[in-house]
Amino acid sequence: MEEYITVTAKTVKDAILEASLKLETFRDNIEYEVIEEGSTGFLGFGSKKAIIKARKKVAVEDILKEEVKEEKPAKKEKREFKKEKKEFKENKKEFKKEKKERPERKEFRQEEPVAVKEETTVAAEPAAEPVQEAPVEVKKERKVVPLTPEEKEEAKEKAVKFLKDVFASIEMEVEVHVEFEDEVLTVEMSGEDMGVLIGKRGQTLDSLQYLTSLVVNKGKSGYVRVKVDTENYRSRRKETLENLAKNIAYKVKRTRRPVFLEPMNPYERRIIHSALQNDPYVTTHSEGEEPYRKVVVTLKRNNNR
């Protein structure tokens, strides 16, 4: 804190001005006390000079600086305290580590998780009941009856006529080739811009396949399975889904949490089920109602520990 200085001048005003010069600050920043007012006397005789004691006003910054200077030893003690606290925590951590490695502690740590996992397994039983969907969906399908040569030709003609009419109505030139492969009526289409017939994730192709199946099987006691494809899309889609199934299975094994796939049609769900049916660590089932039914991949119960 600044000490007072004594300033002598002709008047108090002049003394304040001179004090501000000496203290190297503004007049408004001067704090002073008048010792002698001073007087001009009579005709210059008996005059007295003004005397003041002055100093700089104390600013907030100066107070803070003072406090900082005074707190330096306290900060040093605080740093030492933090250092000791850190060392204490490290020693405590080492102690816990050594205690954890004791044989009796290991046995105790193994008991609690076993009890919790048994409860988790019981809670997961209802969701894991429909383990395999492929056989269930096959049962829903009508039984495929071998057709006579005449019936096969009739099925081919119906499929070609229906698809030709559809493409003519939308003014698309599409070549349609049909044949039977293992009692499955396979329809292969070719032409320009086949992506329009495939649609997003094969939805348009699936719709054409469904409608063609309705037309071919209308009025029949047996059932003809129909497969409509173009540009080898079905094979490429199958390969994509099989790779997806493997990646999802790896994720389930790593996170130990179930994964819900996007809604798929029965054909694509069967591909996922088939791809993972021999996996020793994960299992699959389906949830929801059509057309939003989806595959769920979960960890097998015996691997959930």
C-alpha atoms as a PDB file:
ATOM      1  CA  MET A   1       0.000   0.000   0.000  1.00  0.00           C
ATOM      2  CA  GLU A   2       1.322   3.476  -0.979  1.00  0.00           C
ATOM      3  CA  GLU A   3       2.696   5.753   1.765  1.00  0.00           C
ATOM      4  CA  TYR A   4       1.628   9.391   2.045  1.00  0.00           C
ATOM      5  CA  ILE A   5       3.890  12.059   0.578  1.00  0.00           C
ATOM      6  CA  THR A   6       3.962  15.683   1.679  1.00  0.00           C
ATOM      7  CA  VAL A   7       3.558  18.305  -1.053  1.00  0.00           C
ATOM      8  CA  THR A   8       3.859  22.049  -0.720  1.00  0.00           C
ATOM      9  CA  ALA A   9       2.462  24.465  -3.306  1.00  0.00           C
ATOM     10  CA  LYS A  10       0.977  27.927  -3.645  1.00  0.00           C
ATOM     11  CA  THR A  11      -2.591  26.626  -3.340  1.00  0.00           C
ATOM     12  CA  VAL A  12      -4.237  23.333  -2.442  1.00  0.00           C
ATOM     13  CA  LYS A  13      -5.225  22.899  -6.096  1.00  0.00           C
ATOM     14  CA  ASP A  14      -1.621  23.331  -7.193  1.00  0.00           C
ATOM     15  CA  ALA A  15      -0.478  20.930  -4.461  1.00  0.00           C
ATOM     16  CA  ILE A  16      -2.899  18.271  -5.706  1.00  0.00           C
ATOM     17  CA  LEU A  17      -1.617  18.737  -9.257  1.00  0.00           C
ATOM     18  CA  GLU A  18       1.990  18.423  -8.162  1.00  0.00           C
ATOM     19  CA  ALA A  19       1.145  15.347  -6.067  1.00  0.00           C
ATOM     20  CA  SER A  20      -0.445  13.658  -9.080  1.00  0.00           C
ATOM     21  CA  LEU A  21       2.734  14.315 -11.075  1.00  0.00           C
ATOM     22  CA  LYS A  22       4.930  12.880  -8.372  1.00  0.00           C
ATOM     23  CA  LEU A  23       2.705   9.816  -7.912  1.00  0.00           C
ATOM     24  CA  GLU A  24       2.393   9.419 -11.707  1.00  0.00           C
ATOM     25  CA  THR A  25      -1.368   9.165 -11.737  1.00  0.00           C
ATOM     26  CA  PHE A  26      -4.489  11.224 -12.486  1.00  0.00           C
ATOM     27  CA  ARG A  27      -5.795  13.892 -10.129  1.00  0.00           C
ATOM     28  CA  ASP A  28      -8.992  11.882  -9.607  1.00  0.00           C
ATOM     29  CA  ASN A  29      -6.900   8.994  -8.396  1.00  0.00           C
ATOM     30  CA  ILE A  30      -5.338  11.028  -5.581  1.00  0.00           C
ATOM     31  CA  GLU A  31      -6.292  10.587  -1.956  1.00  0.00           C
ATOM     32  CA  TYR A  32      -5.124  13.600   0.093  1.00  0.00           C
ATOM     33  CA  GLU A  33      -5.335  15.360   3.429  1.00  0.00           C
ATOM     34  CA  VAL A  34      -4.929  19.141   3.746  1.00  0.00           C
ATOM     35  CA  ILE A  35      -2.391  20.093   6.398  1.00  0.00           C
ATOM     36  CA  GLU A  36      -2.267  23.831   5.637  1.00  0.00           C
ATOM     37  CA  GLU A  37      -4.770  25.703   3.492  1.00  0.00           C
ATOM     38  CA  GLY A  38      -2.323  28.445   2.606  1.00  0.00           C
ATOM     39  CA  SER A  39      -3.032  32.140   2.073  1.00  0.00           C
ATOM     40  CA  THR A  40      -1.971  34.943  -0.265  1.00  0.00           C
ATOM     41  CA  GLY A  41      -1.451  37.519   2.556  1.00  0.00           C
ATOM     42  CA  PHE A  42      -1.716  41.238   1.885  1.00  0.00           C
ATOM     43  CA  LEU A  43       0.033  42.600  -1.151  1.00  0.00           C
ATOM     44  CA  GLY A  44       2.267  39.547  -1.087  1.00  0.00           C
ATOM     45  CA  PHE A  45       3.226  39.929   2.496  1.00  0.00           C
ATOM     46  CA  GLY A  46       2.461  37.227   5.052  1.00  0.00           C
ATOM     47  CA  SER A  47       1.538  34.627   2.387  1.00  0.00           C
ATOM     48  CA  LYS A  48       1.580  30.954   3.347  1.00  0.00           C
ATOM     49  CA  LYS A  49       1.913  27.966   1.097  1.00  0.00           C
ATOM     50  CA  ALA A  50      -0.583  25.129   1.092  1.00  0.00           C
ATOM     51  CA  ILE A  51       0.591  21.786   2.446  1.00  0.00           C
ATOM     52  CA  ILE A  52      -1.089  18.435   1.784  1.00  0.00           C
ATOM     53  CA  LYS A  53      -0.384  14.790   2.438  1.00  0.00           C
ATOM     54  CA  ALA A  54      -1.302  12.666  -0.595  1.00  0.00           C
ATOM     55  CA  ARG A  55      -1.162   9.118  -1.915  1.00  0.00           C
ATOM     56  CA  LYS A  56      -2.707   7.012  -4.667  1.00  0.00           C
ATOM     57  CA  LYS A  57      -6.182   5.704  -4.102  1.00  0.00           C
ATOM     58  CA  VAL A  58      -6.226   1.988  -3.396  1.00  0.00           C
ATOM     59  CA  ALA A  59      -7.542   0.111  -6.486  1.00  0.00           C
ATOM     60  CA  VAL A  60      -9.230  -3.274  -6.476  1.00  0.00           C
ATOM     61  CA  GLU A  61      -6.399  -4.659  -8.608  1.00  0.00           C
ATOM     62  CA  ASP A  62      -3.883  -3.566  -5.992  1.00  0.00           C
ATOM     63  CA  ILE A  63      -5.902  -5.271  -3.256  1.00  0.00           C
ATOM     64  CA  LEU A  64      -6.023  -8.473  -5.285  1.00  0.00           C
ATOM     65  CA  LYS A  65      -2.280  -8.300  -5.899  1.00  0.00           C
ATOM     66  CA  GLU A  66      -1.724  -7.858  -2.189  1.00  0.00           C
ATOM     67  CA  GLU A  67      -3.895 -10.889  -1.459  1.00  0.00           C
ATOM     68  CA  VAL A  68      -2.133 -12.959  -4.073  1.00  0.00           C
ATOM     69  CA  LYS A  69       1.229 -12.109  -2.561  1.00  0.00           C
ATOM     70  CA  GLU A  70      -0.020 -13.033   0.875  1.00  0.00           C
ATOM     71  CA  GLU A  71      -1.558 -16.298  -0.350  1.00  0.00           C
ATOM     72  CA  LYS A  72       1.576 -17.669  -1.991  1.00  0.00           C
ATOM     73  CA  PRO A  73       2.654 -19.639   1.091  1.00  0.00           C
ATOM     74  CA  ALA A  74      -0.914 -20.965   1.422  1.00  0.00           C
ATOM     75  CA  LYS A  75      -0.875 -22.142  -2.202  1.00  0.00           C
ATOM     76  CA  LYS A  76       2.386 -23.924  -1.601  1.00  0.00           C
ATOM     77  CA  GLU A  77       0.849 -25.725   1.377  1.00  0.00           C
ATOM     78  CA  LYS A  78      -2.195 -26.574  -0.759  1.00  0.00           C
ATOM     79  CA  ARG A  79       0.008 -28.121  -3.455  1.00  0.00           C
ATOM     80  CA  GLU A  80       1.803 -30.181  -0.863  1.00  0.00           C
ATOM     81  CA  PHE A  81      -1.547 -31.334   0.539  1.00  0.00           C
ATOM     82  CA  LYS A  82      -2.729 -32.375  -2.951  1.00  0.00           C
ATOM     83  CA  LYS A  83       0.515 -34.267  -3.490  1.00  0.00           C
ATOM     84  CA  GLU A  84       0.095 -36.140  -0.200  1.00  0.00           C
ATOM     85  CA  LYS A  85      -3.556 -36.873  -1.076  1.00  0.00           C
ATOM     86  CA  LYS A  86      -2.521 -38.303  -4.466  1.00  0.00           C
ATOM     87  CA  GLU A  87       0.107 -40.514  -2.848  1.00  0.00           C
ATOM     88  CA  PHE A  88      -2.495 -41.716  -0.350  1.00  0.00           C
ATOM     89  CA  LYS A  89      -4.898 -42.665  -3.163  1.00  0.00           C
ATOM     90  CA  GLU A  90      -2.148 -44.530  -5.014  1.00  0.00           C
ATOM     91  CA  ASN A  91      -1.227 -46.446  -1.879  1.00  0.00           C
ATOM     92  CA  LYS A  92      -4.897 -47.240  -1.304  1.00  0.00           C
ATOM     93  CA  LYS A  93      -5.204 -48.492  -4.889  1.00  0.00           C
ATOM     94  CA  GLU A  94      -2.167 -50.749  -4.463  1.00  0.00           C
ATOM     95  CA  PHE A  95      -3.626 -52.101  -1.254  1.00  0.00           C
ATOM     96  CA  LYS A  96      -6.932 -52.946  -2.981  1.00  0.00           C
ATOM     97  CA  LYS A  97      -5.039 -54.624  -5.815  1.00  0.00           C
ATOM     98  CA  GLU A  98      -3.090 -56.820  -3.413  1.00  0.00           C
ATOM     99  CA  LYS A  99      -6.271 -57.631  -1.493  1.00  0.00           C
ATOM    100  CA  LYS A 100      -8.044 -58.553  -4.731  1.00  0.00           C
ATOM    101  CA  GLU A 101      -5.306 -61.047  -5.618  1.00  0.00           C
ATOM    102  CA  ARG A 102      -5.729 -63.026  -2.392  1.00  0.00           C
ATOM    103  CA  PRO A 103      -7.267 -66.515  -2.943  1.00  0.00           C
ATOM    104  CA  GLU A 104     -10.130 -66.001  -0.490  1.00  0.00           C
ATOM    105  CA  ARG A 105     -11.074 -62.755  -2.209  1.00  0.00           C
ATOM    106  CA  LYS A 106     -11.202 -64.500  -5.616  1.00  0.00           C
ATOM    107  CA  GLU A 107     -13.650 -67.085  -4.347  1.00  0.00           C
ATOM    108  CA  PHE A 108     -15.900 -64.359  -2.988  1.00  0.00           C
ATOM    109  CA  ARG A 109     -15.835 -62.387  -6.265  1.00  0.00           C
ATOM    110  CA  GLN A 110     -16.917 -65.459  -8.225  1.00  0.00           C
ATOM    111  CA  GLU A 111     -20.009 -66.125  -6.103  1.00  0.00           C
ATOM    112  CA  GLU A 112     -22.006 -62.913  -6.735  1.00  0.00           C
ATOM    113  CA  PRO A 113     -21.870 -62.896 -10.574  1.00  0.00           C
ATOM    114  CA  VAL A 114     -23.055 -66.534 -10.715  1.00  0.00           C
ATOM    115  CA  ALA A 115     -26.210 -65.689  -8.768  1.00  0.00           C
ATOM    116  CA  VAL A 116     -26.927 -62.634 -10.923  1.00  0.00           C
ATOM    117  CA  LYS A 117     -26.423 -64.530 -14.168  1.00  0.00           C
ATOM    118  CA  GLU A 118     -28.770 -67.297 -13.092  1.00  0.00           C
ATOM    119  CA  GLU A 119     -31.494 -64.680 -12.565  1.00  0.00           C
ATOM    120  CA  THR A 120     -30.727 -63.141 -15.971  1.00  0.00           C
ATOM    121  CA  THR A 121     -31.062 -66.544 -17.640  1.00  0.00           C
ATOM    122  CA  VAL A 122     -34.482 -67.125 -16.072  1.00  0.00           C
ATOM    123  CA  ALA A 123     -35.669 -63.679 -17.205  1.00  0.00           C
ATOM    124  CA  ALA A 124     -34.494 -64.365 -20.760  1.00  0.00           C
ATOM    125  CA  GLU A 125     -36.386 -67.667 -21.123  1.00  0.00           C
ATOM    126  CA  PRO A 126     -39.690 -66.249 -22.488  1.00  0.00           C
ATOM    127  CA  ALA A 127     -37.922 -64.279 -25.240  1.00  0.00           C
ATOM    128  CA  ALA A 128     -35.778 -67.248 -26.280  1.00  0.00           C
ATOM    129  CA  GLU A 129     -38.628 -69.749 -26.777  1.00  0.00           C
ATOM    130  CA  PRO A 130     -39.101 -69.254 -30.555  1.00  0.00           C
ATOM    131  CA  VAL A 131     -35.479 -70.204 -31.288  1.00  0.00           C
ATOM    132  CA  GLN A 132     -35.864 -71.246 -34.909  1.00  0.00           C
ATOM    133  CA  GLU A 133     -38.319 -69.674 -37.247  1.00  0.00           C
ATOM    134  CA  ALA A 134     -37.479 -71.399 -40.539  1.00  0.00           C
ATOM    135  CA  PRO A 135     -39.310 -74.666 -39.734  1.00  0.00           C
ATOM    136  CA  VAL A 136     -42.319 -72.712 -38.417  1.00  0.00           C
ATOM    137  CA  GLU A 137     -42.638 -70.667 -41.583  1.00  0.00           C
ATOM    138  CA  VAL A 138     -42.227 -73.752 -43.757  1.00  0.00           C
ATOM    139  CA  LYS A 139     -45.180 -75.319 -41.971  1.00  0.00           C
ATOM    140  CA  LYS A 140     -47.305 -72.329 -42.853  1.00  0.00           C
ATOM    141  CA  GLU A 141     -46.577 -72.801 -46.556  1.00  0.00           C
ATOM    142  CA  ARG A 142     -48.750 -75.082 -48.643  1.00  0.00           C
ATOM    143  CA  LYS A 143     -47.331 -78.474 -49.517  1.00  0.00           C
ATOM    144  CA  VAL A 144     -45.520 -78.580 -52.858  1.00  0.00           C
ATOM    145  CA  VAL A 145     -47.039 -81.324 -55.030  1.00  0.00           C
ATOM    146  CA  PRO A 146     -45.097 -82.608 -58.081  1.00  0.00           C
ATOM    147  CA  LEU A 147     -46.787 -81.402 -61.277  1.00  0.00           C
ATOM    148  CA  THR A 148     -47.425 -83.233 -64.480  1.00  0.00           C
ATOM    149  CA  PRO A 149     -45.751 -81.936 -67.678  1.00  0.00           C
ATOM    150  CA  GLU A 150     -49.084 -80.444 -68.793  1.00  0.00           C
ATOM    151  CA  GLU A 151     -49.534 -78.618 -65.487  1.00  0.00           C
ATOM    152  CA  LYS A 152     -45.998 -77.230 -65.692  1.00  0.00           C
ATOM    153  CA  GLU A 153     -46.627 -75.845 -69.180  1.00  0.00           C
ATOM    154  CA  GLU A 154     -49.854 -74.261 -68.002  1.00  0.00           C
ATOM    155  CA  ALA A 155     -48.065 -72.641 -65.049  1.00  0.00           C
ATOM    156  CA  LYS A 156     -45.384 -71.258 -67.380  1.00  0.00           C
ATOM    157  CA  GLU A 157     -47.977 -69.773 -69.754  1.00  0.00           C
ATOM    158  CA  LYS A 158     -49.872 -68.120 -66.889  1.00  0.00           C
ATOM    159  CA  ALA A 159     -46.701 -66.570 -65.467  1.00  0.00           C
ATOM    160  CA  VAL A 160     -45.490 -65.240 -68.823  1.00  0.00           C
ATOM    161  CA  LYS A 161     -48.895 -63.821 -69.796  1.00  0.00           C
ATOM    162  CA  PHE A 162     -49.366 -62.084 -66.437  1.00  0.00           C
ATOM    163  CA  LEU A 163     -45.915 -60.478 -66.436  1.00  0.00           C
ATOM    164  CA  LYS A 164     -46.150 -59.423 -70.108  1.00  0.00           C
ATOM    165  CA  ASP A 165     -49.466 -57.683 -69.381  1.00  0.00           C
ATOM    166  CA  VAL A 166     -47.939 -55.894 -66.381  1.00  0.00           C
ATOM    167  CA  PHE A 167     -44.936 -54.642 -68.375  1.00  0.00           C
ATOM    168  CA  ALA A 168     -47.122 -53.597 -71.301  1.00  0.00           C
ATOM    169  CA  SER A 169     -49.284 -51.500 -68.978  1.00  0.00           C
ATOM    170  CA  ILE A 170     -46.225 -49.546 -67.789  1.00  0.00           C
ATOM    171  CA  GLU A 171     -44.667 -49.472 -71.287  1.00  0.00           C
ATOM    172  CA  MET A 172     -41.536 -51.472 -70.419  1.00  0.00           C
ATOM    173  CA  GLU A 173     -39.864 -53.892 -72.792  1.00  0.00           C
ATOM    174  CA  VAL A 174     -38.827 -56.880 -70.698  1.00  0.00           C
ATOM    175  CA  GLU A 175     -37.829 -60.371 -71.819  1.00  0.00           C
ATOM    176  CA  VAL A 176     -39.349 -63.106 -69.628  1.00  0.00           C
ATOM    177  CA  HIS A 177     -37.790 -66.563 -69.494  1.00  0.00           C
ATOM    178  CA  VAL A 178     -39.446 -69.293 -67.369  1.00  0.00           C
ATOM    179  CA  GLU A 179     -38.452 -72.846 -66.505  1.00  0.00           C
ATOM    180  CA  PHE A 180     -38.860 -75.377 -63.691  1.00  0.00           C
ATOM    181  CA  GLU A 181     -35.898 -76.128 -61.420  1.00  0.00           C
ATOM    182  CA  ASP A 182     -36.540 -78.771 -58.723  1.00  0.00           C
ATOM    183  CA  GLU A 183     -40.307 -78.161 -58.805  1.00  0.00           C
ATOM    184  CA  VAL A 184     -39.758 -74.385 -58.484  1.00  0.00           C
ATOM    185  CA  LEU A 185     -41.027 -72.132 -61.266  1.00  0.00           C
ATOM    186  CA  THR A 186     -38.060 -69.831 -61.919  1.00  0.00           C
ATOM    187  CA  VAL A 187     -38.789 -66.578 -63.776  1.00  0.00           C
ATOM    188  CA  GLU A 188     -35.795 -64.661 -65.138  1.00  0.00           C
ATOM    189  CA  MET A 189     -36.350 -61.160 -66.500  1.00  0.00           C
ATOM    190  CA  SER A 190     -33.953 -59.106 -68.626  1.00  0.00           C
ATOM    191  CA  GLY A 191     -34.015 -55.712 -70.296  1.00  0.00           C
ATOM    192  CA  GLU A 192     -33.036 -52.086 -69.760  1.00  0.00           C
ATOM    193  CA  ASP A 193     -33.234 -50.386 -66.356  1.00  0.00           C
ATOM    194  CA  MET A 194     -33.976 -53.521 -64.348  1.00  0.00           C
ATOM    195  CA  GLY A 195     -33.315 -51.558 -61.193  1.00  0.00           C
ATOM    196  CA  VAL A 196     -36.890 -50.256 -61.436  1.00  0.00           C
ATOM    197  CA  LEU A 197     -38.195 -53.832 -61.206  1.00  0.00           C
ATOM    198  CA  ILE A 198     -35.934 -54.623 -58.249  1.00  0.00           C
ATOM    199  CA  GLY A 199     -36.885 -51.605 -56.125  1.00  0.00           C
ATOM    200  CA  LYS A 200     -35.563 -50.706 -52.701  1.00  0.00           C
ATOM    201  CA  ARG A 201     -34.106 -53.844 -51.083  1.00  0.00           C
ATOM    202  CA  GLY A 202     -35.961 -55.929 -53.696  1.00  0.00           C
ATOM    203  CA  GLN A 203     -39.455 -54.844 -52.597  1.00  0.00           C
ATOM    204  CA  THR A 204     -40.776 -54.412 -56.157  1.00  0.00           C
ATOM    205  CA  LEU A 205     -39.299 -57.773 -57.165  1.00  0.00           C
ATOM    206  CA  ASP A 206     -40.914 -59.417 -54.136  1.00  0.00           C
ATOM    207  CA  SER A 207     -44.289 -57.923 -55.063  1.00  0.00           C
ATOM    208  CA  LEU A 208     -44.024 -59.247 -58.639  1.00  0.00           C
ATOM    209  CA  GLN A 209     -43.080 -62.662 -57.257  1.00  0.00           C
ATOM    210  CA  TYR A 210     -46.050 -62.664 -54.863  1.00  0.00           C
ATOM    211  CA  LEU A 211     -48.565 -61.640 -57.562  1.00  0.00           C
ATOM    212  CA  THR A 212     -47.167 -64.162 -60.045  1.00  0.00           C
ATOM    213  CA  SER A 213     -47.502 -66.882 -57.404  1.00  0.00           C
ATOM    214  CA  LEU A 214     -51.171 -65.949 -56.849  1.00  0.00           C
ATOM    215  CA  VAL A 215     -51.881 -66.117 -60.578  1.00  0.00           C
ATOM    216  CA  VAL A 216     -50.096 -69.441 -61.123  1.00  0.00           C
ATOM    217  CA  ASN A 217     -51.683 -71.152 -58.108  1.00  0.00           C
ATOM    218  CA  LYS A 218     -55.225 -69.874 -58.644  1.00  0.00           C
ATOM    219  CA  GLY A 219     -57.686 -72.802 -58.731  1.00  0.00           C
ATOM    220  CA  LYS A 220     -54.973 -75.426 -58.072  1.00  0.00           C
ATOM    221  CA  SER A 221     -55.177 -78.142 -55.413  1.00  0.00           C
ATOM    222  CA  GLY A 222     -51.388 -78.330 -55.196  1.00  0.00           C
ATOM    223  CA  TYR A 223     -48.909 -75.494 -54.764  1.00  0.00           C
ATOM    224  CA  VAL A 224     -46.293 -74.203 -57.195  1.00  0.00           C
ATOM    225  CA  ARG A 225     -43.396 -72.319 -55.626  1.00  0.00           C
ATOM    226  CA  VAL A 226     -42.427 -69.288 -57.749  1.00  0.00           C
ATOM    227  CA  LYS A 227     -39.095 -67.471 -57.848  1.00  0.00           C
ATOM    228  CA  VAL A 228     -38.841 -64.203 -59.818  1.00  0.00           C
ATOM    229  CA  ASP A 229     -35.349 -62.798 -60.386  1.00  0.00           C
ATOM    230  CA  THR A 230     -33.403 -60.384 -62.567  1.00  0.00           C
ATOM    231  CA  GLU A 231     -29.698 -59.636 -62.991  1.00  0.00           C
ATOM    232  CA  ASN A 232     -28.896 -62.322 -60.412  1.00  0.00           C
ATOM    233  CA  TYR A 233     -30.307 -60.117 -57.642  1.00  0.00           C
ATOM    234  CA  ARG A 234     -31.493 -62.998 -55.437  1.00  0.00           C
ATOM    235  CA  SER A 235     -28.037 -64.552 -55.316  1.00  0.00           C
ATOM    236  CA  ARG A 236     -26.336 -61.228 -54.601  1.00  0.00           C
ATOM    237  CA  ARG A 237     -28.882 -60.370 -51.911  1.00  0.00           C
ATOM    238  CA  LYS A 238     -28.406 -63.774 -50.286  1.00  0.00           C
ATOM    239  CA  GLU A 239     -24.648 -63.255 -50.122  1.00  0.00           C
ATOM    240  CA  THR A 240     -25.171 -59.788 -48.605  1.00  0.00           C
ATOM    241  CA  LEU A 241     -27.529 -61.137 -45.934  1.00  0.00           C
ATOM    242  CA  GLU A 242     -25.181 -64.002 -45.051  1.00  0.00           C
ATOM    243  CA  ASN A 243     -22.328 -61.522 -44.535  1.00  0.00           C
ATOM    244  CA  LEU A 244     -24.662 -59.348 -42.477  1.00  0.00           C
ATOM    245  CA  ALA A 245     -25.591 -62.336 -40.302  1.00  0.00           C
ATOM    246  CA  LYS A 246     -21.922 -63.099 -39.590  1.00  0.00           C
ATOM    247  CA  ASN A 247     -21.186 -59.482 -38.656  1.00  0.00           C
ATOM    248  CA  ILE A 248     -24.220 -59.299 -36.384  1.00  0.00           C
ATOM    249  CA  ALA A 249     -23.226 -62.573 -34.696  1.00  0.00           C
ATOM    250  CA  TYR A 250     -19.744 -61.180 -34.018  1.00  0.00           C
ATOM    251  CA  LYS A 251     -21.283 -58.027 -32.513  1.00  0.00           C
ATOM    252  CA  VAL A 252     -23.573 -60.070 -30.245  1.00  0.00           C
ATOM    253  CA  LYS A 253     -20.634 -62.183 -29.020  1.00  0.00           C
ATOM    254  CA  ARG A 254     -18.581 -59.068 -28.324  1.00  0.00           C
ATOM    255  CA  THR A 255     -21.256 -56.960 -26.605  1.00  0.00           C
ATOM    256  CA  ARG A 256     -23.288 -59.869 -25.145  1.00  0.00           C
ATOM    257  CA  ARG A 257     -26.445 -57.969 -26.092  1.00  0.00           C
ATOM    258  CA  PRO A 258     -29.220 -58.914 -28.554  1.00  0.00           C
ATOM    259  CA  VAL A 259     -29.393 -57.207 -31.953  1.00  0.00           C
ATOM    260  CA  PHE A 260     -32.700 -56.470 -33.737  1.00  0.00           C
ATOM    261  CA  LEU A 261     -32.483 -56.455 -37.532  1.00  0.00           C
ATOM    262  CA  GLU A 262     -34.721 -54.396 -39.803  1.00  0.00           C
ATOM    263  CA  PRO A 263     -38.043 -55.945 -40.928  1.00  0.00           C
ATOM    264  CA  MET A 264     -37.599 -58.568 -43.671  1.00  0.00           C
ATOM    265  CA  ASN A 265     -39.804 -60.856 -45.715  1.00  0.00           C
ATOM    266  CA  PRO A 266     -39.951 -64.595 -44.817  1.00  0.00           C
ATOM    267  CA  TYR A 267     -37.449 -65.537 -47.551  1.00  0.00           C
ATOM    268  CA  GLU A 268     -34.773 -63.135 -46.264  1.00  0.00           C
ATOM    269  CA  ARG A 269     -35.425 -64.074 -42.627  1.00  0.00           C
ATOM    270  CA  ARG A 270     -34.818 -67.723 -43.504  1.00  0.00           C
ATOM    271  CA  ILE A 271     -31.443 -66.753 -44.989  1.00  0.00           C
ATOM    272  CA  ILE A 272     -30.415 -65.152 -41.657  1.00  0.00           C
ATOM    273  CA  HIS A 273     -31.668 -68.169 -39.677  1.00  0.00           C
ATOM    274  CA  SER A 274     -29.847 -70.631 -41.959  1.00  0.00           C
ATOM    275  CA  ALA A 275     -26.597 -68.646 -41.873  1.00  0.00           C
ATOM    276  CA  LEU A 276     -26.458 -68.762 -38.044  1.00  0.00           C
ATOM    277  CA  GLN A 277     -28.184 -72.060 -37.222  1.00  0.00           C
ATOM    278  CA  ASN A 278     -24.842 -73.859 -36.685  1.00  0.00           C
ATOM    279  CA  ASP A 279     -23.210 -71.062 -34.706  1.00  0.00           C
ATOM    280  CA  PRO A 280     -22.387 -72.457 -31.221  1.00  0.00           C
ATOM    281  CA  TYR A 281     -22.631 -69.059 -29.508  1.00  0.00           C
ATOM    282  CA  VAL A 282     -25.705 -67.271 -30.901  1.00  0.00           C
ATOM    283  CA  THR A 283     -29.293 -68.163 -31.729  1.00  0.00           C
ATOM    284  CA  THR A 284     -32.020 -66.448 -33.770  1.00  0.00           C
ATOM    285  CA  HIS A 285     -35.766 -65.949 -33.570  1.00  0.00           C
ATOM    286  CA  SER A 286     -38.324 -63.576 -35.095  1.00  0.00           C
ATOM    287  CA  GLU A 287     -40.569 -61.017 -33.425  1.00  0.00           C
ATOM    288  CA  GLY A 288     -43.445 -58.825 -34.594  1.00  0.00           C
ATOM    289  CA  GLU A 289     -46.224 -59.132 -37.142  1.00  0.00           C
ATOM    290  CA  GLU A 290     -46.003 -59.000 -40.920  1.00  0.00           C
ATOM    291  CA  PRO A 291     -44.883 -56.902 -42.704  1.00  0.00           C
ATOM    292  CA  TYR A 292     -42.800 -55.617 -39.776  1.00  0.00           C
ATOM    293  CA  ARG A 293     -41.583 -59.002 -38.557  1.00  0.00           C
ATOM    294  CA  LYS A 294     -37.851 -58.902 -37.821  1.00  0.00           C
ATOM    295  CA  VAL A 295     -35.037 -61.258 -36.848  1.00  0.00           C
ATOM    296  CA  VAL A 296     -33.443 -61.006 -33.399  1.00  0.00           C
ATOM    297  CA  VAL A 297     -29.944 -62.396 -32.799  1.00  0.00           C
ATOM    298  CA  THR A 298     -29.153 -63.250 -29.167  1.00  0.00           C
ATOM    299  CA  LEU A 299     -26.441 -64.988 -27.195  1.00  0.00           C
ATOM    300  CA  LYS A 300     -27.230 -68.607 -26.354  1.00  0.00           C
ATOM    301  CA  ARG A 301     -28.124 -69.180 -22.728  1.00  0.00           C
ATOM    302  CA  ASN A 302     -25.261 -71.569 -22.060  1.00  0.00           C
ATOM    303  CA  ASN A 303     -22.842 -68.868 -23.318  1.00  0.00           C
ATOM    304  CA  ASN A 304     -24.415 -66.052 -21.326  1.00  0.00           C
ATOM    305  CA  ARG A 305     -22.212 -66.600 -18.299  1.00  0.00           C
END
